[in-house]
Amino acid sequence: MSRRIIEDEITAGQHELIGSLLRESFPDYPQRSYFKQIPQFTLLDWRGEKLLAHLGVEHRVIRNGDSVLRIFGVIDLCVASAERSRGLASRLLAELESLGRSAGVDAIVLAADDSRVYQAAGYSVVKNSARWVMINDHETIGIAERPLDGLMVKMLGAKTWQPGLVDFLGYLF
């Protein structure tokens, strides 16, 4: 059963479980429950006290070409290894899409090394240059501007994704 939790409502014990799941899913993940920045909210899937899946969400505006888009940015979608291939990731993505539509979000945006689950959920790979704030270990180290491999988008409203520069107006989630 999934649950949406605003960041400041996550308990210390839940942070520990989230961090453990992230380290199980992503080699070399830091010893915390987030990578670069704390997400605004998180979708968590539970079976009793066991955390099965995690999806962090950044809610902000970005500039895409000459349009400003309200977006949800997907952060660190992961599923416990024993629970993979059971539709949990797809269910969290569908829940996020539903939340986005009800909140007037224009698009869901993410960067993925493996696009299969996202393409199956209707996301498109886009080829854009991007600009973002580079963060390393809690320190701003500069502004990057270059093509971004693995950028994926699912448009939710009437606006269309444009070619050209994507300015993330913050860090790359």
C-alpha atoms as a PDB file:
ATOM      1  CA  MET A   1       0.000   0.000   0.000  1.00  0.00           C
ATOM      2  CA  SER A   2       1.545   3.323  -1.030  1.00  0.00           C
ATOM      3  CA  ARG A   3       1.522   6.447   1.046  1.00  0.00           C
ATOM      4  CA  ARG A   4       2.420  10.044   0.186  1.00  0.00           C
ATOM      5  CA  ILE A   5       4.524  11.666   2.895  1.00  0.00           C
ATOM      6  CA  ILE A   6       5.630  15.295   3.019  1.00  0.00           C
ATOM      7  CA  GLU A   7       9.318  15.437   3.874  1.00  0.00           C
ATOM      8  CA  ASP A   8       8.974  17.025   7.301  1.00  0.00           C
ATOM      9  CA  GLU A   9       6.591  14.229   8.371  1.00  0.00           C
ATOM     10  CA  ILE A  10       9.052  11.392   7.688  1.00  0.00           C
ATOM     11  CA  THR A  11      10.217   9.864  10.952  1.00  0.00           C
ATOM     12  CA  ALA A  12      13.828   9.036  11.798  1.00  0.00           C
ATOM     13  CA  GLY A  13      13.006   5.332  11.474  1.00  0.00           C
ATOM     14  CA  GLN A  14      11.445   5.861   8.046  1.00  0.00           C
ATOM     15  CA  HIS A  15      14.534   7.825   6.945  1.00  0.00           C
ATOM     16  CA  GLU A  16      16.670   4.829   7.950  1.00  0.00           C
ATOM     17  CA  LEU A  17      14.469   2.447   5.941  1.00  0.00           C
ATOM     18  CA  ILE A  18      14.495   4.758   2.919  1.00  0.00           C
ATOM     19  CA  GLY A  19      18.292   5.081   3.088  1.00  0.00           C
ATOM     20  CA  SER A  20      18.686   1.299   3.305  1.00  0.00           C
ATOM     21  CA  LEU A  21      16.443   0.748   0.280  1.00  0.00           C
ATOM     22  CA  LEU A  22      18.296   3.417  -1.724  1.00  0.00           C
ATOM     23  CA  ARG A  23      21.684   1.852  -0.907  1.00  0.00           C
ATOM     24  CA  GLU A  24      20.348  -1.596  -1.852  1.00  0.00           C
ATOM     25  CA  SER A  25      19.141  -0.214  -5.182  1.00  0.00           C
ATOM     26  CA  PHE A  26      21.976   2.169  -6.095  1.00  0.00           C
ATOM     27  CA  PRO A  27      25.627   1.234  -5.517  1.00  0.00           C
ATOM     28  CA  ASP A  28      27.653   3.957  -3.799  1.00  0.00           C
ATOM     29  CA  TYR A  29      24.565   5.802  -2.520  1.00  0.00           C
ATOM     30  CA  PRO A  30      25.466   8.094   0.420  1.00  0.00           C
ATOM     31  CA  GLN A  31      24.601   7.167   4.009  1.00  0.00           C
ATOM     32  CA  ARG A  32      21.363   9.195   4.076  1.00  0.00           C
ATOM     33  CA  SER A  33      17.832   9.124   2.663  1.00  0.00           C
ATOM     34  CA  TYR A  34      18.456  11.578  -0.215  1.00  0.00           C
ATOM     35  CA  PHE A  35      21.178  12.116  -2.802  1.00  0.00           C
ATOM     36  CA  LYS A  36      21.661  15.832  -3.582  1.00  0.00           C
ATOM     37  CA  GLN A  37      18.686  17.532  -1.930  1.00  0.00           C
ATOM     38  CA  ILE A  38      15.714  16.547   0.215  1.00  0.00           C
ATOM     39  CA  PRO A  39      12.592  15.940  -1.918  1.00  0.00           C
ATOM     40  CA  GLN A  40       9.394  17.889  -1.210  1.00  0.00           C
ATOM     41  CA  PHE A  41       7.450  14.670  -0.813  1.00  0.00           C
ATOM     42  CA  THR A  42       7.862  10.962  -1.205  1.00  0.00           C
ATOM     43  CA  LEU A  43       5.641   8.111  -2.331  1.00  0.00           C
ATOM     44  CA  LEU A  44       6.389   5.001  -0.301  1.00  0.00           C
ATOM     45  CA  ASP A  45       4.961   1.517  -0.802  1.00  0.00           C
ATOM     46  CA  TRP A  46       4.702  -0.625   2.323  1.00  0.00           C
ATOM     47  CA  ARG A  47       3.765  -4.151   3.281  1.00  0.00           C
ATOM     48  CA  GLY A  48       3.192  -3.876   7.000  1.00  0.00           C
ATOM     49  CA  GLU A  49       6.401  -2.412   8.419  1.00  0.00           C
ATOM     50  CA  LYS A  50       8.500  -3.401   5.364  1.00  0.00           C
ATOM     51  CA  LEU A  51       9.360  -0.669   2.848  1.00  0.00           C
ATOM     52  CA  LEU A  52       8.990  -2.080  -0.666  1.00  0.00           C
ATOM     53  CA  ALA A  53       9.373   0.951  -2.958  1.00  0.00           C
ATOM     54  CA  HIS A  54      10.350   4.637  -2.930  1.00  0.00           C
ATOM     55  CA  LEU A  55       9.783   7.568  -5.271  1.00  0.00           C
ATOM     56  CA  GLY A  56      10.985  11.051  -4.255  1.00  0.00           C
ATOM     57  CA  VAL A  57       9.395  14.086  -5.890  1.00  0.00           C
ATOM     58  CA  GLU A  58      10.675  17.600  -6.567  1.00  0.00           C
ATOM     59  CA  HIS A  59       7.858  20.087  -7.363  1.00  0.00           C
ATOM     60  CA  ARG A  60       9.009  23.231  -9.171  1.00  0.00           C
ATOM     61  CA  VAL A  61       8.971  25.214 -12.370  1.00  0.00           C
ATOM     62  CA  ILE A  62      11.526  24.842 -15.142  1.00  0.00           C
ATOM     63  CA  ARG A  63      12.070  26.645 -18.432  1.00  0.00           C
ATOM     64  CA  ASN A  64      11.729  24.490 -21.546  1.00  0.00           C
ATOM     65  CA  GLY A  65      12.618  26.504 -24.625  1.00  0.00           C
ATOM     66  CA  ASP A  66      10.448  29.616 -24.272  1.00  0.00           C
ATOM     67  CA  SER A  67       7.863  27.991 -21.972  1.00  0.00           C
ATOM     68  CA  VAL A  68       7.731  27.815 -18.204  1.00  0.00           C
ATOM     69  CA  LEU A  69       6.431  24.429 -17.057  1.00  0.00           C
ATOM     70  CA  ARG A  70       5.160  23.315 -13.664  1.00  0.00           C
ATOM     71  CA  ILE A  71       6.733  19.909 -13.119  1.00  0.00           C
ATOM     72  CA  PHE A  72       7.153  16.992 -10.815  1.00  0.00           C
ATOM     73  CA  GLY A  73      10.752  15.754 -10.953  1.00  0.00           C
ATOM     74  CA  VAL A  74      11.234  12.056 -10.186  1.00  0.00           C
ATOM     75  CA  ILE A  75      14.013  11.337  -7.699  1.00  0.00           C
ATOM     76  CA  ASP A  76      15.440   7.866  -7.027  1.00  0.00           C
ATOM     77  CA  LEU A  77      12.569   5.558  -7.960  1.00  0.00           C
ATOM     78  CA  CYS A  78      13.531   2.170  -6.546  1.00  0.00           C
ATOM     79  CA  VAL A  79      12.005  -1.150  -5.498  1.00  0.00           C
ATOM     80  CA  ALA A  80      13.383  -3.705  -3.041  1.00  0.00           C
ATOM     81  CA  SER A  81      15.179  -6.456  -4.965  1.00  0.00           C
ATOM     82  CA  ALA A  82      12.813  -9.195  -3.712  1.00  0.00           C
ATOM     83  CA  GLU A  83       9.793  -7.166  -4.910  1.00  0.00           C
ATOM     84  CA  ARG A  84      10.893  -6.215  -8.439  1.00  0.00           C
ATOM     85  CA  SER A  85       8.867  -7.094 -11.551  1.00  0.00           C
ATOM     86  CA  ARG A  86       5.582  -6.959  -9.603  1.00  0.00           C
ATOM     87  CA  GLY A  87       4.383  -3.588 -10.897  1.00  0.00           C
ATOM     88  CA  LEU A  88       5.298  -1.488  -7.856  1.00  0.00           C
ATOM     89  CA  ALA A  89       7.331   1.081  -9.816  1.00  0.00           C
ATOM     90  CA  SER A  90       4.573   1.396 -12.424  1.00  0.00           C
ATOM     91  CA  ARG A  91       1.975   1.843  -9.686  1.00  0.00           C
ATOM     92  CA  LEU A  92       3.992   4.637  -8.033  1.00  0.00           C
ATOM     93  CA  LEU A  93       4.431   6.365 -11.399  1.00  0.00           C
ATOM     94  CA  ALA A  94       0.678   6.115 -12.067  1.00  0.00           C
ATOM     95  CA  GLU A  95      -0.045   7.577  -8.632  1.00  0.00           C
ATOM     96  CA  LEU A  96       2.373  10.442  -9.306  1.00  0.00           C
ATOM     97  CA  GLU A  97       0.705  11.101 -12.661  1.00  0.00           C
ATOM     98  CA  SER A  98      -2.699  11.248 -10.979  1.00  0.00           C
ATOM     99  CA  LEU A  99      -1.367  13.672  -8.345  1.00  0.00           C
ATOM    100  CA  GLY A 100       0.214  15.782 -11.084  1.00  0.00           C
ATOM    101  CA  ARG A 101      -2.978  16.006 -13.097  1.00  0.00           C
ATOM    102  CA  SER A 102      -5.004  17.058 -10.043  1.00  0.00           C
ATOM    103  CA  ALA A 103      -2.336  19.655  -9.096  1.00  0.00           C
ATOM    104  CA  GLY A 104      -2.155  21.235 -12.570  1.00  0.00           C
ATOM    105  CA  VAL A 105       1.359  19.972 -13.263  1.00  0.00           C
ATOM    106  CA  ASP A 106       2.378  20.272 -16.922  1.00  0.00           C
ATOM    107  CA  ALA A 107       4.919  17.433 -17.017  1.00  0.00           C
ATOM    108  CA  ILE A 108       6.785  14.804 -15.067  1.00  0.00           C
ATOM    109  CA  VAL A 109      10.524  14.968 -15.747  1.00  0.00           C
ATOM    110  CA  LEU A 110      13.383  12.640 -14.859  1.00  0.00           C
ATOM    111  CA  ALA A 111      16.822  11.459 -15.857  1.00  0.00           C
ATOM    112  CA  ALA A 112      17.218   7.683 -16.155  1.00  0.00           C
ATOM    113  CA  ASP A 113      20.067   5.303 -16.796  1.00  0.00           C
ATOM    114  CA  ASP A 114      17.550   2.551 -17.642  1.00  0.00           C
ATOM    115  CA  SER A 115      14.458   3.866 -19.418  1.00  0.00           C
ATOM    116  CA  ARG A 116      12.426   0.645 -19.755  1.00  0.00           C
ATOM    117  CA  VAL A 117       9.979   1.076 -16.853  1.00  0.00           C
ATOM    118  CA  TYR A 118       9.423   4.723 -17.777  1.00  0.00           C
ATOM    119  CA  GLN A 119       8.860   4.058 -21.480  1.00  0.00           C
ATOM    120  CA  ALA A 120       6.348   1.345 -20.551  1.00  0.00           C
ATOM    121  CA  ALA A 121       4.531   4.008 -18.483  1.00  0.00           C
ATOM    122  CA  GLY A 122       4.333   6.419 -21.440  1.00  0.00           C
ATOM    123  CA  TYR A 123       7.442   8.552 -20.884  1.00  0.00           C
ATOM    124  CA  SER A 124       9.440   9.784 -23.877  1.00  0.00           C
ATOM    125  CA  VAL A 125      13.186  10.174 -24.202  1.00  0.00           C
ATOM    126  CA  VAL A 126      13.967  13.762 -25.217  1.00  0.00           C
ATOM    127  CA  LYS A 127      17.190  15.239 -26.554  1.00  0.00           C
ATOM    128  CA  ASN A 128      17.768  18.641 -25.004  1.00  0.00           C
ATOM    129  CA  SER A 129      20.654  20.597 -23.660  1.00  0.00           C
ATOM    130  CA  ALA A 130      20.152  21.437 -20.019  1.00  0.00           C
ATOM    131  CA  ARG A 131      21.327  23.902 -17.404  1.00  0.00           C
ATOM    132  CA  TRP A 132      21.398  23.075 -13.703  1.00  0.00           C
ATOM    133  CA  VAL A 133      23.100  23.831 -10.408  1.00  0.00           C
ATOM    134  CA  MET A 134      25.828  21.279  -9.715  1.00  0.00           C
ATOM    135  CA  ILE A 135      25.878  20.048  -6.122  1.00  0.00           C
ATOM    136  CA  ASN A 136      28.420  17.692  -4.604  1.00  0.00           C
ATOM    137  CA  ASP A 137      28.323  16.585  -0.985  1.00  0.00           C
ATOM    138  CA  HIS A 138      26.239  19.536   0.253  1.00  0.00           C
ATOM    139  CA  GLU A 139      28.196  22.161  -1.667  1.00  0.00           C
ATOM    140  CA  THR A 140      27.345  24.122  -4.815  1.00  0.00           C
ATOM    141  CA  ILE A 141      30.221  23.618  -7.216  1.00  0.00           C
ATOM    142  CA  GLY A 142      28.961  25.467 -10.271  1.00  0.00           C
ATOM    143  CA  ILE A 143      26.446  25.675 -13.075  1.00  0.00           C
ATOM    144  CA  ALA A 144      26.444  23.004 -15.801  1.00  0.00           C
ATOM    145  CA  GLU A 145      25.117  23.507 -19.307  1.00  0.00           C
ATOM    146  CA  ARG A 146      25.347  20.603 -21.718  1.00  0.00           C
ATOM    147  CA  PRO A 147      23.313  17.883 -23.433  1.00  0.00           C
ATOM    148  CA  LEU A 148      21.695  15.597 -20.892  1.00  0.00           C
ATOM    149  CA  ASP A 149      21.575  11.866 -21.644  1.00  0.00           C
ATOM    150  CA  GLY A 150      18.618   9.933 -20.310  1.00  0.00           C
ATOM    151  CA  LEU A 151      16.257  12.907 -20.005  1.00  0.00           C
ATOM    152  CA  MET A 152      12.656  11.677 -20.056  1.00  0.00           C
ATOM    153  CA  VAL A 153       9.319  13.469 -19.989  1.00  0.00           C
ATOM    154  CA  LYS A 154       5.646  12.692 -19.692  1.00  0.00           C
ATOM    155  CA  MET A 155       3.440  15.645 -20.570  1.00  0.00           C
ATOM    156  CA  LEU A 156       0.233  15.843 -18.536  1.00  0.00           C
ATOM    157  CA  GLY A 157      -1.552  18.896 -19.923  1.00  0.00           C
ATOM    158  CA  ALA A 158      -2.027  20.834 -23.121  1.00  0.00           C
ATOM    159  CA  LYS A 159       1.526  22.183 -23.312  1.00  0.00           C
ATOM    160  CA  THR A 160       4.097  20.438 -25.500  1.00  0.00           C
ATOM    161  CA  TRP A 161       7.746  19.669 -24.841  1.00  0.00           C
ATOM    162  CA  GLN A 162      10.032  21.921 -26.867  1.00  0.00           C
ATOM    163  CA  PRO A 163      13.491  21.413 -28.335  1.00  0.00           C
ATOM    164  CA  GLY A 164      16.273  23.655 -27.102  1.00  0.00           C
ATOM    165  CA  LEU A 165      17.571  24.445 -23.655  1.00  0.00           C
ATOM    166  CA  VAL A 166      15.950  23.085 -20.495  1.00  0.00           C
ATOM    167  CA  ASP A 167      16.795  25.312 -17.538  1.00  0.00           C
ATOM    168  CA  PHE A 168      16.122  23.316 -14.367  1.00  0.00           C
ATOM    169  CA  LEU A 169      16.241  26.511 -12.273  1.00  0.00           C
ATOM    170  CA  GLY A 170      17.991  24.499  -9.594  1.00  0.00           C
ATOM    171  CA  TYR A 171      19.701  21.192  -9.065  1.00  0.00           C
ATOM    172  CA  LEU A 172      19.292  18.158 -11.312  1.00  0.00           C
ATOM    173  CA  PHE A 173      17.111  15.698  -9.462  1.00  0.00           C
END
